[in-house]
């Protein structure tokens, strides 16, 4: 069955997988990034997450509500935690120094494999995702993953506010 599933997987999916692995490995190293580069990945993951909900459930109100609740809750928790202590901001260069982490790779793989599993489940047993509970769980999971990306970016952006406050008080 696994072989049959893999042979029916479009080739671009394997390309996407390896691209995400590469991107995750880049994120594992400490690096300097601009504000715009900092928010590109969370915005991309937000878009991919919303597309996943839409492509699976169309405009199902439960799906959109579950996604939004999960995403909003995770981002709110990130905001409540305050600025990241593993990131710093240099106003002179307008660059963030972001500590390397394997978390982005884990999150990208989580989204990738979850979306793949949902697609396989839908292909193998059409209608398996038609219950309200399945719609809510799948959509909330997509919202959780993309919310974690956004929360991480928001906390890192908090390092800029923290640096500005320190600068003003000096």
C-alpha atoms as a PDB file:
ATOM      1  CA  UNK A   1       0.000   0.000   0.000  1.00  0.00           C
ATOM      2  CA  UNK A   2       2.847   2.439   0.861  1.00  0.00           C
ATOM      3  CA  UNK A   3       4.479   1.793  -2.498  1.00  0.00           C
ATOM      4  CA  UNK A   4       1.204   2.434  -4.280  1.00  0.00           C
ATOM      5  CA  UNK A   5       0.699   5.692  -2.381  1.00  0.00           C
ATOM      6  CA  UNK A   6       4.232   6.877  -3.162  1.00  0.00           C
ATOM      7  CA  UNK A   7       4.003   5.966  -6.858  1.00  0.00           C
ATOM      8  CA  UNK A   8       0.790   7.987  -7.165  1.00  0.00           C
ATOM      9  CA  UNK A   9       2.360  11.016  -5.484  1.00  0.00           C
ATOM     10  CA  UNK A  10       3.150  13.781  -8.002  1.00  0.00           C
ATOM     11  CA  UNK A  11       6.870  14.478  -8.458  1.00  0.00           C
ATOM     12  CA  UNK A  12       6.528  18.115  -7.382  1.00  0.00           C
ATOM     13  CA  UNK A  13       5.603  16.905  -3.869  1.00  0.00           C
ATOM     14  CA  UNK A  14       9.051  15.324  -3.505  1.00  0.00           C
ATOM     15  CA  UNK A  15      10.641  18.563  -4.732  1.00  0.00           C
ATOM     16  CA  UNK A  16       8.632  20.505  -2.167  1.00  0.00           C
ATOM     17  CA  UNK A  17       9.745  18.093   0.552  1.00  0.00           C
ATOM     18  CA  UNK A  18      13.443  18.532  -0.251  1.00  0.00           C
ATOM     19  CA  UNK A  19      13.020  22.309  -0.567  1.00  0.00           C
ATOM     20  CA  UNK A  20      11.450  22.437   2.894  1.00  0.00           C
ATOM     21  CA  UNK A  21      14.236  20.274   4.341  1.00  0.00           C
ATOM     22  CA  UNK A  22      16.815  22.652   2.873  1.00  0.00           C
ATOM     23  CA  UNK A  23      14.960  25.702   4.200  1.00  0.00           C
ATOM     24  CA  UNK A  24      14.704  24.080   7.635  1.00  0.00           C
ATOM     25  CA  UNK A  25      18.427  23.323   7.665  1.00  0.00           C
ATOM     26  CA  UNK A  26      19.174  26.987   6.829  1.00  0.00           C
ATOM     27  CA  UNK A  27      16.999  28.000   9.794  1.00  0.00           C
ATOM     28  CA  UNK A  28      19.093  25.786  12.091  1.00  0.00           C
ATOM     29  CA  UNK A  29      22.053  28.180  11.912  1.00  0.00           C
ATOM     30  CA  UNK A  30      22.339  31.512  13.690  1.00  0.00           C
ATOM     31  CA  UNK A  31      21.933  34.224  11.061  1.00  0.00           C
ATOM     32  CA  UNK A  32      21.196  37.875  10.502  1.00  0.00           C
ATOM     33  CA  UNK A  33      17.954  38.778   8.758  1.00  0.00           C
ATOM     34  CA  UNK A  34      16.026  41.915   7.895  1.00  0.00           C
ATOM     35  CA  UNK A  35      12.493  42.478   9.121  1.00  0.00           C
ATOM     36  CA  UNK A  36      11.038  41.628   5.711  1.00  0.00           C
ATOM     37  CA  UNK A  37      12.987  38.349   5.522  1.00  0.00           C
ATOM     38  CA  UNK A  38      11.888  37.549   9.052  1.00  0.00           C
ATOM     39  CA  UNK A  39       8.203  37.642   8.143  1.00  0.00           C
ATOM     40  CA  UNK A  40       8.379  35.936   4.723  1.00  0.00           C
ATOM     41  CA  UNK A  41       8.369  32.374   6.083  1.00  0.00           C
ATOM     42  CA  UNK A  42       5.495  32.880   8.566  1.00  0.00           C
ATOM     43  CA  UNK A  43       3.426  34.583   5.842  1.00  0.00           C
ATOM     44  CA  UNK A  44       4.205  31.745   3.418  1.00  0.00           C
ATOM     45  CA  UNK A  45       3.259  29.126   6.015  1.00  0.00           C
ATOM     46  CA  UNK A  46       0.082  31.050   6.825  1.00  0.00           C
ATOM     47  CA  UNK A  47      -0.823  31.035   3.133  1.00  0.00           C
ATOM     48  CA  UNK A  48       0.003  27.354   2.729  1.00  0.00           C
ATOM     49  CA  UNK A  49      -2.021  26.529   5.830  1.00  0.00           C
ATOM     50  CA  UNK A  50      -5.065  28.487   4.659  1.00  0.00           C
ATOM     51  CA  UNK A  51      -4.756  26.979   1.193  1.00  0.00           C
ATOM     52  CA  UNK A  52      -4.671  23.526   2.787  1.00  0.00           C
ATOM     53  CA  UNK A  53      -7.909  24.225   4.650  1.00  0.00           C
ATOM     54  CA  UNK A  54      -9.566  25.736   1.589  1.00  0.00           C
ATOM     55  CA  UNK A  55      -8.442  22.972  -0.796  1.00  0.00           C
ATOM     56  CA  UNK A  56      -9.650  20.276   1.594  1.00  0.00           C
ATOM     57  CA  UNK A  57     -12.901  21.790   2.877  1.00  0.00           C
ATOM     58  CA  UNK A  58     -13.681  24.688   0.512  1.00  0.00           C
ATOM     59  CA  UNK A  59     -15.359  27.491   2.486  1.00  0.00           C
ATOM     60  CA  UNK A  60     -16.751  25.278   5.253  1.00  0.00           C
ATOM     61  CA  UNK A  61     -17.512  27.639   8.147  1.00  0.00           C
ATOM     62  CA  UNK A  62     -16.401  25.124  10.789  1.00  0.00           C
ATOM     63  CA  UNK A  63     -13.065  24.680   8.999  1.00  0.00           C
ATOM     64  CA  UNK A  64     -12.367  28.398   8.808  1.00  0.00           C
ATOM     65  CA  UNK A  65     -13.483  28.995  12.402  1.00  0.00           C
ATOM     66  CA  UNK A  66     -11.367  26.123  13.775  1.00  0.00           C
ATOM     67  CA  UNK A  67      -8.341  27.311  11.807  1.00  0.00           C
ATOM     68  CA  UNK A  68      -8.772  30.926  12.965  1.00  0.00           C
ATOM     69  CA  UNK A  69      -9.294  29.946  16.614  1.00  0.00           C
ATOM     70  CA  UNK A  70      -6.191  27.751  16.696  1.00  0.00           C
ATOM     71  CA  UNK A  71      -4.063  30.295  14.817  1.00  0.00           C
ATOM     72  CA  UNK A  72      -5.245  33.218  16.955  1.00  0.00           C
ATOM     73  CA  UNK A  73      -4.761  31.332  20.219  1.00  0.00           C
ATOM     74  CA  UNK A  74      -1.186  30.342  19.396  1.00  0.00           C
ATOM     75  CA  UNK A  75      -0.272  33.860  18.251  1.00  0.00           C
ATOM     76  CA  UNK A  76      -1.865  35.359  21.384  1.00  0.00           C
ATOM     77  CA  UNK A  77       0.155  32.992  23.580  1.00  0.00           C
ATOM     78  CA  UNK A  78       3.277  34.046  21.686  1.00  0.00           C
ATOM     79  CA  UNK A  79       2.482  37.709  22.290  1.00  0.00           C
ATOM     80  CA  UNK A  80       1.842  37.041  25.968  1.00  0.00           C
ATOM     81  CA  UNK A  81       5.247  35.374  26.318  1.00  0.00           C
ATOM     82  CA  UNK A  82       6.911  38.620  25.291  1.00  0.00           C
ATOM     83  CA  UNK A  83       9.977  39.227  23.124  1.00  0.00           C
ATOM     84  CA  UNK A  84      12.296  36.400  22.229  1.00  0.00           C
ATOM     85  CA  UNK A  85      15.383  36.127  24.405  1.00  0.00           C
ATOM     86  CA  UNK A  86      17.262  34.243  21.685  1.00  0.00           C
ATOM     87  CA  UNK A  87      17.027  37.098  19.170  1.00  0.00           C
ATOM     88  CA  UNK A  88      18.508  40.571  19.147  1.00  0.00           C
ATOM     89  CA  UNK A  89      18.079  43.637  16.985  1.00  0.00           C
ATOM     90  CA  UNK A  90      20.785  45.993  15.753  1.00  0.00           C
ATOM     91  CA  UNK A  91      19.245  49.366  14.869  1.00  0.00           C
ATOM     92  CA  UNK A  92      22.400  50.494  13.028  1.00  0.00           C
ATOM     93  CA  UNK A  93      22.097  47.694  10.470  1.00  0.00           C
ATOM     94  CA  UNK A  94      18.334  47.153  10.842  1.00  0.00           C
ATOM     95  CA  UNK A  95      19.072  43.444  11.197  1.00  0.00           C
ATOM     96  CA  UNK A  96      17.915  40.787  13.621  1.00  0.00           C
ATOM     97  CA  UNK A  97      20.336  38.179  14.865  1.00  0.00           C
ATOM     98  CA  UNK A  98      18.244  35.040  15.139  1.00  0.00           C
ATOM     99  CA  UNK A  99      19.554  32.005  16.964  1.00  0.00           C
ATOM    100  CA  UNK A 100      19.541  28.822  14.950  1.00  0.00           C
ATOM    101  CA  UNK A 101      16.774  26.373  15.718  1.00  0.00           C
ATOM    102  CA  UNK A 102      15.520  23.074  14.387  1.00  0.00           C
ATOM    103  CA  UNK A 103      11.966  24.082  15.332  1.00  0.00           C
ATOM    104  CA  UNK A 104      11.156  25.596  11.906  1.00  0.00           C
ATOM    105  CA  UNK A 105      12.203  22.350  10.210  1.00  0.00           C
ATOM    106  CA  UNK A 106      10.046  20.354  12.607  1.00  0.00           C
ATOM    107  CA  UNK A 107       7.080  22.647  11.974  1.00  0.00           C
ATOM    108  CA  UNK A 108       7.529  22.547   8.190  1.00  0.00           C
ATOM    109  CA  UNK A 109       7.764  18.765   8.258  1.00  0.00           C
ATOM    110  CA  UNK A 110       4.713  18.661  10.518  1.00  0.00           C
ATOM    111  CA  UNK A 111       2.662  20.712   8.068  1.00  0.00           C
ATOM    112  CA  UNK A 112       4.016  18.781   5.079  1.00  0.00           C
ATOM    113  CA  UNK A 113       3.361  15.304   6.486  1.00  0.00           C
ATOM    114  CA  UNK A 114       0.013  16.303   7.959  1.00  0.00           C
ATOM    115  CA  UNK A 115      -1.149  17.710   4.611  1.00  0.00           C
ATOM    116  CA  UNK A 116       0.185  14.595   2.863  1.00  0.00           C
ATOM    117  CA  UNK A 117      -1.638  12.317   5.332  1.00  0.00           C
ATOM    118  CA  UNK A 118      -4.875  14.266   4.878  1.00  0.00           C
ATOM    119  CA  UNK A 119      -4.557  13.986   1.087  1.00  0.00           C
ATOM    120  CA  UNK A 120      -3.832  10.249   1.296  1.00  0.00           C
ATOM    121  CA  UNK A 121      -6.757   9.678   3.681  1.00  0.00           C
ATOM    122  CA  UNK A 122      -9.059  11.577   1.341  1.00  0.00           C
ATOM    123  CA  UNK A 123      -7.810   9.632  -1.699  1.00  0.00           C
ATOM    124  CA  UNK A 124      -7.920   6.195  -0.065  1.00  0.00           C
ATOM    125  CA  UNK A 125     -11.267   6.640   1.665  1.00  0.00           C
ATOM    126  CA  UNK A 126     -13.299   9.510   0.189  1.00  0.00           C
ATOM    127  CA  UNK A 127     -15.678  10.991   2.715  1.00  0.00           C
ATOM    128  CA  UNK A 128     -13.519  10.146   5.734  1.00  0.00           C
ATOM    129  CA  UNK A 129     -13.075  13.862   6.391  1.00  0.00           C
ATOM    130  CA  UNK A 130     -16.754  14.768   6.057  1.00  0.00           C
ATOM    131  CA  UNK A 131     -17.608  14.728   9.756  1.00  0.00           C
ATOM    132  CA  UNK A 132     -17.675  17.999  11.645  1.00  0.00           C
ATOM    133  CA  UNK A 133     -15.104  16.660  14.100  1.00  0.00           C
ATOM    134  CA  UNK A 134     -12.659  15.745  11.302  1.00  0.00           C
ATOM    135  CA  UNK A 135     -13.130  19.163   9.705  1.00  0.00           C
ATOM    136  CA  UNK A 136     -12.453  20.918  13.011  1.00  0.00           C
ATOM    137  CA  UNK A 137      -9.438  18.792  13.994  1.00  0.00           C
ATOM    138  CA  UNK A 138      -7.734  18.985  10.598  1.00  0.00           C
ATOM    139  CA  UNK A 139      -8.334  22.727  10.246  1.00  0.00           C
ATOM    140  CA  UNK A 140      -7.259  23.501  13.811  1.00  0.00           C
ATOM    141  CA  UNK A 141      -4.069  21.503  13.264  1.00  0.00           C
ATOM    142  CA  UNK A 142      -3.233  23.601  10.201  1.00  0.00           C
ATOM    143  CA  UNK A 143      -3.942  26.741  12.243  1.00  0.00           C
ATOM    144  CA  UNK A 144      -1.753  25.507  15.090  1.00  0.00           C
ATOM    145  CA  UNK A 145       1.239  24.894  12.817  1.00  0.00           C
ATOM    146  CA  UNK A 146       1.056  28.230  11.013  1.00  0.00           C
ATOM    147  CA  UNK A 147       0.295  30.035  14.271  1.00  0.00           C
ATOM    148  CA  UNK A 148       3.533  28.699  15.732  1.00  0.00           C
ATOM    149  CA  UNK A 149       5.477  30.209  12.820  1.00  0.00           C
ATOM    150  CA  UNK A 150       3.749  33.552  13.252  1.00  0.00           C
ATOM    151  CA  UNK A 151       4.173  33.545  17.038  1.00  0.00           C
ATOM    152  CA  UNK A 152       7.898  32.919  16.632  1.00  0.00           C
ATOM    153  CA  UNK A 153       8.195  35.841  14.197  1.00  0.00           C
ATOM    154  CA  UNK A 154       6.144  38.149  16.420  1.00  0.00           C
ATOM    155  CA  UNK A 155       8.316  37.293  19.423  1.00  0.00           C
ATOM    156  CA  UNK A 156      11.443  37.966  17.359  1.00  0.00           C
ATOM    157  CA  UNK A 157      10.012  41.312  16.223  1.00  0.00           C
ATOM    158  CA  UNK A 158       9.586  42.068  19.917  1.00  0.00           C
ATOM    159  CA  UNK A 159      13.385  42.142  20.152  1.00  0.00           C
ATOM    160  CA  UNK A 160      13.275  45.293  17.995  1.00  0.00           C
ATOM    161  CA  UNK A 161      10.860  46.986  20.399  1.00  0.00           C
ATOM    162  CA  UNK A 162      13.006  45.859  23.339  1.00  0.00           C
ATOM    163  CA  UNK A 163      16.148  47.313  21.692  1.00  0.00           C
ATOM    164  CA  UNK A 164      14.381  50.616  21.035  1.00  0.00           C
ATOM    165  CA  UNK A 165      13.220  50.865  24.651  1.00  0.00           C
ATOM    166  CA  UNK A 166      16.764  50.191  25.901  1.00  0.00           C
ATOM    167  CA  UNK A 167      18.103  52.800  23.477  1.00  0.00           C
ATOM    168  CA  UNK A 168      15.622  55.443  24.690  1.00  0.00           C
ATOM    169  CA  UNK A 169      16.331  54.799  28.343  1.00  0.00           C
ATOM    170  CA  UNK A 170      20.086  55.093  27.843  1.00  0.00           C
END
